[in-house]
PDB file of all heavy atoms in Angstrom:
ATOM      1  N   VAL A   1      42.404 162.648 177.981  1.00  0.00           N
ATOM      2  CA  VAL A   1      43.520 162.413 177.063  1.00  0.00           C
ATOM      3  C   VAL A   1      43.380 163.065 175.695  1.00  0.00           C
ATOM      4  O   VAL A   1      44.374 163.234 175.000  1.00  0.00           O
ATOM      5  CB  VAL A   1      43.760 160.899 176.875  1.00  0.00           C
ATOM      6  CG1 VAL A   1      44.114 160.264 178.196  1.00  0.00           C
ATOM      7  CG2 VAL A   1      42.560 160.228 176.237  1.00  0.00           C
ATOM      8  N   GLU A   2      42.167 163.433 175.272  1.00  0.00           N
ATOM      9  CA  GLU A   2      42.006 163.943 173.921  1.00  0.00           C
ATOM     10  C   GLU A   2      42.117 165.465 173.888  1.00  0.00           C
ATOM     11  O   GLU A   2      41.539 166.150 174.727  1.00  0.00           O
ATOM     12  CB  GLU A   2      40.663 163.516 173.333  1.00  0.00           C
ATOM     13  CG  GLU A   2      40.524 162.023 173.165  1.00  0.00           C
ATOM     14  CD  GLU A   2      39.220 161.649 172.498  1.00  0.00           C
ATOM     15  OE1 GLU A   2      39.078 161.921 171.296  1.00  0.00           O
ATOM     16  OE2 GLU A   2      38.332 161.122 173.180  1.00  0.00           O
ATOM     17  N   GLU A   3      42.833 165.977 172.887  1.00  0.00           N
ATOM     18  CA  GLU A   3      43.009 167.410 172.714  1.00  0.00           C
ATOM     19  C   GLU A   3      42.149 167.891 171.554  1.00  0.00           C
ATOM     20  O   GLU A   3      42.586 167.920 170.403  1.00  0.00           O
ATOM     21  CB  GLU A   3      44.483 167.733 172.444  1.00  0.00           C
ATOM     22  CG  GLU A   3      45.363 167.650 173.675  1.00  0.00           C
ATOM     23  CD  GLU A   3      44.972 168.664 174.726  1.00  0.00           C
ATOM     24  OE1 GLU A   3      44.808 169.853 174.407  1.00  0.00           O
ATOM     25  OE2 GLU A   3      44.810 168.248 175.892  1.00  0.00           O
ATOM     26  N   ARG A   4      40.903 168.243 171.829  1.00  0.00           N
ATOM     27  CA  ARG A   4      40.022 168.728 170.775  1.00  0.00           C
ATOM     28  C   ARG A   4      38.764 169.328 171.385  1.00  0.00           C
ATOM     29  O   ARG A   4      38.432 169.081 172.548  1.00  0.00           O
ATOM     30  CB  ARG A   4      39.628 167.580 169.840  1.00  0.00           C
ATOM     31  CG  ARG A   4      38.861 166.434 170.537  1.00  0.00           C
ATOM     32  CD  ARG A   4      38.414 165.402 169.530  1.00  0.00           C
ATOM     33  NE  ARG A   4      37.823 164.222 170.152  1.00  0.00           N
ATOM     34  CZ  ARG A   4      36.523 164.086 170.414  1.00  0.00           C
ATOM     35  NH1 ARG A   4      35.688 165.062 170.152  1.00  0.00           N
ATOM     36  NH2 ARG A   4      36.068 162.971 170.956  1.00  0.00           N
ATOM     37  N   PRO A   5      38.028 170.119 170.598  1.00  0.00           N
ATOM     38  CA  PRO A   5      36.713 170.566 171.075  1.00  0.00           C
ATOM     39  C   PRO A   5      35.797 169.362 171.277  1.00  0.00           C
ATOM     40  O   PRO A   5      35.993 168.309 170.677  1.00  0.00           O
ATOM     41  CB  PRO A   5      36.208 171.443 169.918  1.00  0.00           C
ATOM     42  CG  PRO A   5      37.433 171.840 169.175  1.00  0.00           C
ATOM     43  CD  PRO A   5      38.371 170.666 169.293  1.00  0.00           C
ATOM     44  N   GLY A   6      34.780 169.531 172.115  1.00  0.00           N
ATOM     45  CA  GLY A   6      33.849 168.439 172.371  1.00  0.00           C
ATOM     46  C   GLY A   6      34.304 167.498 173.458  1.00  0.00           C
ATOM     47  O   GLY A   6      33.615 166.522 173.760  1.00  0.00           O
ATOM     48  N   VAL A   7      35.471 167.773 174.067  1.00  0.00           N
ATOM     49  CA  VAL A   7      36.002 166.881 175.101  1.00  0.00           C
ATOM     50  C   VAL A   7      36.223 167.653 176.394  1.00  0.00           C
ATOM     51  O   VAL A   7      36.695 168.782 176.392  1.00  0.00           O
ATOM     52  CB  VAL A   7      37.338 166.246 174.658  1.00  0.00           C
ATOM     53  CG1 VAL A   7      37.924 165.399 175.779  1.00  0.00           C
ATOM     54  CG2 VAL A   7      37.136 165.395 173.424  1.00  0.00           C
ATOM     55  N   THR A   8      35.885 167.022 177.505  1.00  0.00           N
ATOM     56  CA  THR A   8      36.156 167.574 178.827  1.00  0.00           C
ATOM     57  C   THR A   8      36.417 166.416 179.776  1.00  0.00           C
ATOM     58  O   THR A   8      36.061 165.273 179.493  1.00  0.00           O
ATOM     59  CB  THR A   8      34.972 168.424 179.324  1.00  0.00           C
ATOM     60  OG1 THR A   8      35.285 168.961 180.622  1.00  0.00           O
ATOM     61  CG2 THR A   8      33.706 167.595 179.451  1.00  0.00           C
ATOM     62  N   SER A   9      37.052 166.721 180.895  1.00  0.00           N
ATOM     63  CA  SER A   9      37.280 165.664 181.881  1.00  0.00           C
ATOM     64  C   SER A   9      36.052 165.448 182.752  1.00  0.00           C
ATOM     65  O   SER A   9      35.880 164.400 183.350  1.00  0.00           O
ATOM     66  CB  SER A   9      38.484 166.014 182.759  1.00  0.00           C
ATOM     67  OG  SER A   9      38.241 167.209 183.463  1.00  0.00           O
ATOM     68  N   LYS A  10      35.204 166.464 182.846  1.00  0.00           N
ATOM     69  CA  LYS A  10      33.959 166.337 183.600  1.00  0.00           C
ATOM     70  C   LYS A  10      33.057 167.517 183.256  1.00  0.00           C
ATOM     71  O   LYS A  10      33.500 168.523 182.720  1.00  0.00           O
ATOM     72  CB  LYS A  10      34.229 166.308 185.102  1.00  0.00           C
ATOM     73  CG  LYS A  10      34.863 167.590 185.646  1.00  0.00           C
ATOM     74  CD  LYS A  10      35.085 167.484 187.155  1.00  0.00           C
ATOM     75  CE  LYS A  10      35.737 168.752 187.709  1.00  0.00           C
ATOM     76  NZ  LYS A  10      35.945 168.677 189.166  1.00  0.00           N
ATOM     77  N   ILE A  11      31.785 167.361 183.581  1.00  0.00           N
ATOM     78  CA  ILE A  11      30.824 168.460 183.452  1.00  0.00           C
ATOM     79  C   ILE A  11      30.736 169.147 184.809  1.00  0.00           C
ATOM     80  O   ILE A  11      30.669 168.483 185.849  1.00  0.00           O
ATOM     81  CB  ILE A  11      29.431 167.943 183.038  1.00  0.00           C
ATOM     82  CG1 ILE A  11      29.514 167.106 181.762  1.00  0.00           C
ATOM     83  CG2 ILE A  11      28.463 169.107 182.864  1.00  0.00           C
ATOM     84  CD1 ILE A  11      29.948 167.880 180.545  1.00  0.00           C
ATOM     85  N   ILE A  12      30.737 170.475 184.807  1.00  0.00           N
ATOM     86  CA  ILE A  12      30.605 171.219 186.057  1.00  0.00           C
ATOM     87  C   ILE A  12      29.312 172.014 186.054  1.00  0.00           C
ATOM     88  O   ILE A  12      28.712 172.256 185.005  1.00  0.00           O
ATOM     89  CB  ILE A  12      31.813 172.151 186.281  1.00  0.00           C
ATOM     90  CG1 ILE A  12      31.900 173.217 185.176  1.00  0.00           C
ATOM     91  CG2 ILE A  12      33.108 171.351 186.364  1.00  0.00           C
ATOM     92  CD1 ILE A  12      32.958 174.276 185.417  1.00  0.00           C
ATOM     93  N   SER A  13      28.884 172.437 187.244  1.00  0.00           N
ATOM     94  CA  SER A  13      27.661 173.228 187.375  1.00  0.00           C
ATOM     95  C   SER A  13      27.999 174.712 187.280  1.00  0.00           C
ATOM     96  O   SER A  13      29.156 175.109 187.452  1.00  0.00           O
ATOM     97  CB  SER A  13      27.006 172.943 188.725  1.00  0.00           C
ATOM     98  OG  SER A  13      27.786 173.506 189.774  1.00  0.00           O
ATOM     99  N   PRO A  14      26.999 175.553 187.037  1.00  0.00           N
ATOM    100  CA  PRO A  14      27.257 177.001 187.030  1.00  0.00           C
ATOM    101  C   PRO A  14      27.888 177.504 188.329  1.00  0.00           C
ATOM    102  O   PRO A  14      28.788 178.354 188.291  1.00  0.00           O
ATOM    103  CB  PRO A  14      25.865 177.589 186.801  1.00  0.00           C
ATOM    104  CG  PRO A  14      25.173 176.556 185.970  1.00  0.00           C
ATOM    105  CD  PRO A  14      25.637 175.239 186.538  1.00  0.00           C
ATOM    106  N   ASP A  15      27.455 176.975 189.465  1.00  0.00           N
ATOM    107  CA  ASP A  15      28.048 177.398 190.740  1.00  0.00           C
ATOM    108  C   ASP A  15      29.500 176.956 190.845  1.00  0.00           C
ATOM    109  O   ASP A  15      30.373 177.716 191.296  1.00  0.00           O
ATOM    110  CB  ASP A  15      27.245 176.836 191.913  1.00  0.00           C
ATOM    111  CG  ASP A  15      25.934 177.586 192.127  1.00  0.00           C
ATOM    112  OD1 ASP A  15      25.891 178.795 191.820  1.00  0.00           O
ATOM    113  OD2 ASP A  15      24.968 176.959 192.589  1.00  0.00           O
ATOM    114  N   GLU A  16      29.787 175.721 190.428  1.00  0.00           N
ATOM    115  CA  GLU A  16      31.169 175.237 190.456  1.00  0.00           C
ATOM    116  C   GLU A  16      32.058 176.074 189.541  1.00  0.00           C
ATOM    117  O   GLU A  16      33.244 176.280 189.827  1.00  0.00           O
ATOM    118  CB  GLU A  16      31.224 173.776 190.006  1.00  0.00           C
ATOM    119  CG  GLU A  16      30.724 172.775 191.022  1.00  0.00           C
ATOM    120  CD  GLU A  16      30.746 171.363 190.470  1.00  0.00           C
ATOM    121  OE1 GLU A  16      30.170 171.119 189.408  1.00  0.00           O
ATOM    122  OE2 GLU A  16      31.363 170.504 191.118  1.00  0.00           O
ATOM    123  N   SER A  17      31.494 176.565 188.450  1.00  0.00           N
ATOM    124  CA  SER A  17      32.299 177.320 187.490  1.00  0.00           C
ATOM    125  C   SER A  17      32.868 178.590 188.112  1.00  0.00           C
ATOM    126  O   SER A  17      33.987 179.003 187.790  1.00  0.00           O
ATOM    127  CB  SER A  17      31.468 177.663 186.254  1.00  0.00           C
ATOM    128  OG  SER A  17      30.470 178.626 186.549  1.00  0.00           O
ATOM    129  N   ILE A  18      32.129 179.212 189.024  1.00  0.00           N
ATOM    130  CA  ILE A  18      32.612 180.433 189.676  1.00  0.00           C
ATOM    131  C   ILE A  18      33.770 180.112 190.616  1.00  0.00           C
ATOM    132  O   ILE A  18      34.782 180.830 190.651  1.00  0.00           O
ATOM    133  CB  ILE A  18      31.456 181.128 190.430  1.00  0.00           C
ATOM    134  CG1 ILE A  18      30.333 181.507 189.458  1.00  0.00           C
ATOM    135  CG2 ILE A  18      31.963 182.355 191.170  1.00  0.00           C
ATOM    136  CD1 ILE A  18      30.790 182.368 188.283  1.00  0.00           C
ATOM    137  N   GLU A  19      33.662 179.017 191.332  1.00  0.00           N
ATOM    138  CA  GLU A  19      34.755 178.579 192.211  1.00  0.00           C
ATOM    139  C   GLU A  19      36.006 178.248 191.391  1.00  0.00           C
ATOM    140  O   GLU A  19      37.125 178.638 191.741  1.00  0.00           O
ATOM    141  CB  GLU A  19      34.297 177.349 192.998  1.00  0.00           C
ATOM    142  CG  GLU A  19      35.343 176.804 193.954  1.00  0.00           C
ATOM    143  CD  GLU A  19      34.845 175.561 194.691  1.00  0.00           C
ATOM    144  OE1 GLU A  19      33.626 175.312 194.699  1.00  0.00           O
ATOM    145  OE2 GLU A  19      35.703 174.834 195.233  1.00  0.00           O
ATOM    146  N   ILE A  20      35.805 177.550 190.280  1.00  0.00           N
ATOM    147  CA  ILE A  20      36.916 177.171 189.406  1.00  0.00           C
ATOM    148  C   ILE A  20      37.548 178.403 188.771  1.00  0.00           C
ATOM    149  O   ILE A  20      38.778 178.492 188.642  1.00  0.00           O
ATOM    150  CB  ILE A  20      36.423 176.175 188.339  1.00  0.00           C
ATOM    151  CG1 ILE A  20      36.210 174.802 188.995  1.00  0.00           C
ATOM    152  CG2 ILE A  20      37.389 176.078 187.165  1.00  0.00           C
ATOM    153  CD1 ILE A  20      35.488 173.805 188.135  1.00  0.00           C
ATOM    154  N   LEU A  21      36.743 179.373 188.397  1.00  0.00           N
ATOM    155  CA  LEU A  21      37.264 180.609 187.813  1.00  0.00           C
ATOM    156  C   LEU A  21      38.196 181.326 188.777  1.00  0.00           C
ATOM    157  O   LEU A  21      39.270 181.796 188.386  1.00  0.00           O
ATOM    158  CB  LEU A  21      36.098 181.534 187.440  1.00  0.00           C
ATOM    159  CG  LEU A  21      35.797 181.720 185.955  1.00  0.00           C
ATOM    160  CD1 LEU A  21      34.570 182.611 185.770  1.00  0.00           C
ATOM    161  CD2 LEU A  21      36.989 182.302 185.225  1.00  0.00           C
ATOM    162  N   GLY A  22      37.788 181.413 190.043  1.00  0.00           N
ATOM    163  CA  GLY A  22      38.636 182.058 191.046  1.00  0.00           C
ATOM    164  C   GLY A  22      39.969 181.360 191.181  1.00  0.00           C
ATOM    165  O   GLY A  22      41.033 182.010 191.236  1.00  0.00           O
ATOM    166  N   LYS A  23      39.947 180.028 191.213  1.00  0.00           N
ATOM    167  CA  LYS A  23      41.175 179.244 191.313  1.00  0.00           C
ATOM    168  C   LYS A  23      42.046 179.443 190.074  1.00  0.00           C
ATOM    169  O   LYS A  23      43.266 179.617 190.175  1.00  0.00           O
ATOM    170  CB  LYS A  23      40.816 177.762 191.474  1.00  0.00           C
ATOM    171  CG  LYS A  23      42.015 176.824 191.570  1.00  0.00           C
ATOM    172  CD  LYS A  23      41.536 175.376 191.716  1.00  0.00           C
ATOM    173  CE  LYS A  23      42.713 174.411 191.749  1.00  0.00           C
ATOM    174  NZ  LYS A  23      42.253 173.000 191.837  1.00  0.00           N
ATOM    175  N   ALA A  24      41.433 179.449 188.902  1.00  0.00           N
ATOM    176  CA  ALA A  24      42.178 179.592 187.664  1.00  0.00           C
ATOM    177  C   ALA A  24      42.859 180.951 187.561  1.00  0.00           C
ATOM    178  O   ALA A  24      44.005 181.054 187.106  1.00  0.00           O
ATOM    179  CB  ALA A  24      41.246 179.384 186.469  1.00  0.00           C
ATOM    180  N   LEU A  25      42.183 181.993 188.004  1.00  0.00           N
ATOM    181  CA  LEU A  25      42.761 183.339 187.946  1.00  0.00           C
ATOM    182  C   LEU A  25      43.950 183.484 188.892  1.00  0.00           C
ATOM    183  O   LEU A  25      44.876 184.243 188.617  1.00  0.00           O
ATOM    184  CB  LEU A  25      41.686 184.385 188.253  1.00  0.00           C
ATOM    185  CG  LEU A  25      40.682 184.630 187.119  1.00  0.00           C
ATOM    186  CD1 LEU A  25      39.482 185.412 187.634  1.00  0.00           C
ATOM    187  CD2 LEU A  25      41.339 185.370 185.962  1.00  0.00           C
ATOM    188  N   GLU A  26      43.924 182.753 189.999  1.00  0.00           N
ATOM    189  CA  GLU A  26      45.076 182.763 190.903  1.00  0.00           C
ATOM    190  C   GLU A  26      46.292 182.108 190.241  1.00  0.00           C
ATOM    191  O   GLU A  26      47.418 182.595 190.355  1.00  0.00           O
ATOM    192  CB  GLU A  26      44.741 182.017 192.198  1.00  0.00           C
ATOM    193  CG  GLU A  26      43.776 182.762 193.115  1.00  0.00           C
ATOM    194  CD  GLU A  26      43.491 181.973 194.389  1.00  0.00           C
ATOM    195  OE1 GLU A  26      44.195 180.964 194.630  1.00  0.00           O
ATOM    196  OE2 GLU A  26      42.573 182.352 195.134  1.00  0.00           O
ATOM    197  N   ILE A  27      46.047 181.005 189.537  1.00  0.00           N
ATOM    198  CA  ILE A  27      47.135 180.262 188.897  1.00  0.00           C
ATOM    199  C   ILE A  27      47.611 180.957 187.625  1.00  0.00           C
ATOM    200  O   ILE A  27      48.808 181.005 187.334  1.00  0.00           O
ATOM    201  CB  ILE A  27      46.677 178.820 188.573  1.00  0.00           C
ATOM    202  CG1 ILE A  27      46.397 178.047 189.872  1.00  0.00           C
ATOM    203  CG2 ILE A  27      47.708 178.084 187.720  1.00  0.00           C
ATOM    204  CD1 ILE A  27      45.788 176.695 189.652  1.00  0.00           C
ATOM    205  N   CYS A  28      46.668 181.531 186.880  1.00  0.00           N
ATOM    206  CA  CYS A  28      46.988 182.148 185.585  1.00  0.00           C
ATOM    207  C   CYS A  28      46.313 183.513 185.481  1.00  0.00           C
ATOM    208  O   CYS A  28      45.213 183.630 184.923  1.00  0.00           O
ATOM    209  CB  CYS A  28      46.544 181.235 184.437  1.00  0.00           C
ATOM    210  SG  CYS A  28      46.948 181.870 182.792  1.00  0.00           S
ATOM    211  N   PRO A  29      46.967 184.546 186.012  1.00  0.00           N
ATOM    212  CA  PRO A  29      46.378 185.896 185.963  1.00  0.00           C
ATOM    213  C   PRO A  29      46.209 186.442 184.540  1.00  0.00           C
ATOM    214  O   PRO A  29      45.526 187.449 184.348  1.00  0.00           O
ATOM    215  CB  PRO A  29      47.391 186.746 186.743  1.00  0.00           C
ATOM    216  CG  PRO A  29      48.198 185.780 187.550  1.00  0.00           C
ATOM    217  CD  PRO A  29      48.237 184.535 186.745  1.00  0.00           C
ATOM    218  N   ASP A  30      46.838 185.773 183.545  1.00  0.00           N
ATOM    219  CA  ASP A  30      46.712 186.209 182.154  1.00  0.00           C
ATOM    220  C   ASP A  30      45.335 185.917 181.562  1.00  0.00           C
ATOM    221  O   ASP A  30      45.037 186.361 180.443  1.00  0.00           O
ATOM    222  CB  ASP A  30      47.767 185.520 181.273  1.00  0.00           C
ATOM    223  CG  ASP A  30      49.169 186.020 181.554  1.00  0.00           C
ATOM    224  OD1 ASP A  30      49.318 187.214 181.870  1.00  0.00           O
ATOM    225  OD2 ASP A  30      50.113 185.216 181.457  1.00  0.00           O
ATOM    226  N   ILE A  31      44.506 185.172 182.278  1.00  0.00           N
ATOM    227  CA  ILE A  31      43.177 184.847 181.754  1.00  0.00           C
ATOM    228  C   ILE A  31      42.344 186.122 181.613  1.00  0.00           C
ATOM    229  O   ILE A  31      42.131 186.850 182.576  1.00  0.00           O
ATOM    230  CB  ILE A  31      42.463 183.828 182.658  1.00  0.00           C
ATOM    231  CG1 ILE A  31      43.133 182.458 182.540  1.00  0.00           C
ATOM    232  CG2 ILE A  31      40.978 183.718 182.296  1.00  0.00           C
ATOM    233  CD1 ILE A  31      42.600 181.422 183.509  1.00  0.00           C
ATOM    234  N   LYS A  32      41.903 186.360 180.400  1.00  0.00           N
ATOM    235  CA  LYS A  32      41.063 187.531 180.107  1.00  0.00           C
ATOM    236  C   LYS A  32      39.661 187.132 179.668  1.00  0.00           C
ATOM    237  O   LYS A  32      38.755 187.959 179.640  1.00  0.00           O
ATOM    238  CB  LYS A  32      41.694 188.360 178.979  1.00  0.00           C
ATOM    239  CG  LYS A  32      43.104 188.876 179.255  1.00  0.00           C
ATOM    240  CD  LYS A  32      43.104 189.976 180.292  1.00  0.00           C
ATOM    241  CE  LYS A  32      44.447 190.711 180.356  1.00  0.00           C
ATOM    242  NZ  LYS A  32      45.566 189.832 180.734  1.00  0.00           N
ATOM    243  N   VAL A  33      39.507 185.844 179.316  1.00  0.00           N
ATOM    244  CA  VAL A  33      38.266 185.388 178.694  1.00  0.00           C
ATOM    245  C   VAL A  33      37.700 184.186 179.445  1.00  0.00           C
ATOM    246  O   VAL A  33      38.417 183.224 179.723  1.00  0.00           O
ATOM    247  CB  VAL A  33      38.514 184.983 177.225  1.00  0.00           C
ATOM    248  CG1 VAL A  33      37.224 184.475 176.582  1.00  0.00           C
ATOM    249  CG2 VAL A  33      39.073 186.163 176.429  1.00  0.00           C
ATOM    250  N   ALA A  34      36.410 184.246 179.756  1.00  0.00           N
ATOM    251  CA  ALA A  34      35.669 183.085 180.244  1.00  0.00           C
ATOM    252  C   ALA A  34      34.785 182.610 179.104  1.00  0.00           C
ATOM    253  O   ALA A  34      33.875 183.318 178.672  1.00  0.00           O
ATOM    254  CB  ALA A  34      34.824 183.456 181.461  1.00  0.00           C
ATOM    255  N   GLY A  35      35.099 181.426 178.604  1.00  0.00           N
ATOM    256  CA  GLY A  35      34.366 180.914 177.461  1.00  0.00           C
ATOM    257  C   GLY A  35      33.619 179.643 177.775  1.00  0.00           C
ATOM    258  O   GLY A  35      33.995 178.887 178.676  1.00  0.00           O
ATOM    259  N   ILE A  36      32.546 179.418 177.042  1.00  0.00           N
ATOM    260  CA  ILE A  36      31.810 178.157 177.141  1.00  0.00           C
ATOM    261  C   ILE A  36      31.655 177.615 175.726  1.00  0.00           C
ATOM    262  O   ILE A  36      31.053 178.262 174.867  1.00  0.00           O
ATOM    263  CB  ILE A  36      30.441 178.335 177.819  1.00  0.00           C
ATOM    264  CG1 ILE A  36      30.612 178.949 179.208  1.00  0.00           C
ATOM    265  CG2 ILE A  36      29.737 176.980 177.929  1.00  0.00           C
ATOM    266  CD1 ILE A  36      29.295 179.229 179.940  1.00  0.00           C
ATOM    267  N   ALA A  37      32.233 176.430 175.513  1.00  0.00           N
ATOM    268  CA  ALA A  37      32.257 175.842 174.179  1.00  0.00           C
ATOM    269  C   ALA A  37      31.760 174.401 174.192  1.00  0.00           C
ATOM    270  O   ALA A  37      32.038 173.642 173.276  1.00  0.00           O
ATOM    271  CB  ALA A  37      33.671 175.901 173.613  1.00  0.00           C
ATOM    272  N   GLY A  38      31.033 174.030 175.239  1.00  0.00           N
ATOM    273  CA  GLY A  38      30.545 172.657 175.241  1.00  0.00           C
ATOM    274  C   GLY A  38      30.686 171.978 176.599  1.00  0.00           C
ATOM    275  O   GLY A  38      30.675 172.659 177.631  1.00  0.00           O
TER     276      GLY A  38
END
């Protein structure tokens, strides 16, 4: 529910991040940046 840095709905693993990235690029091809901020 919170819109700010320092908040996430869950922590993911490095392996999960690659799977999520693929899904995200399918939904939003405008993604140019993979960032990690916490």
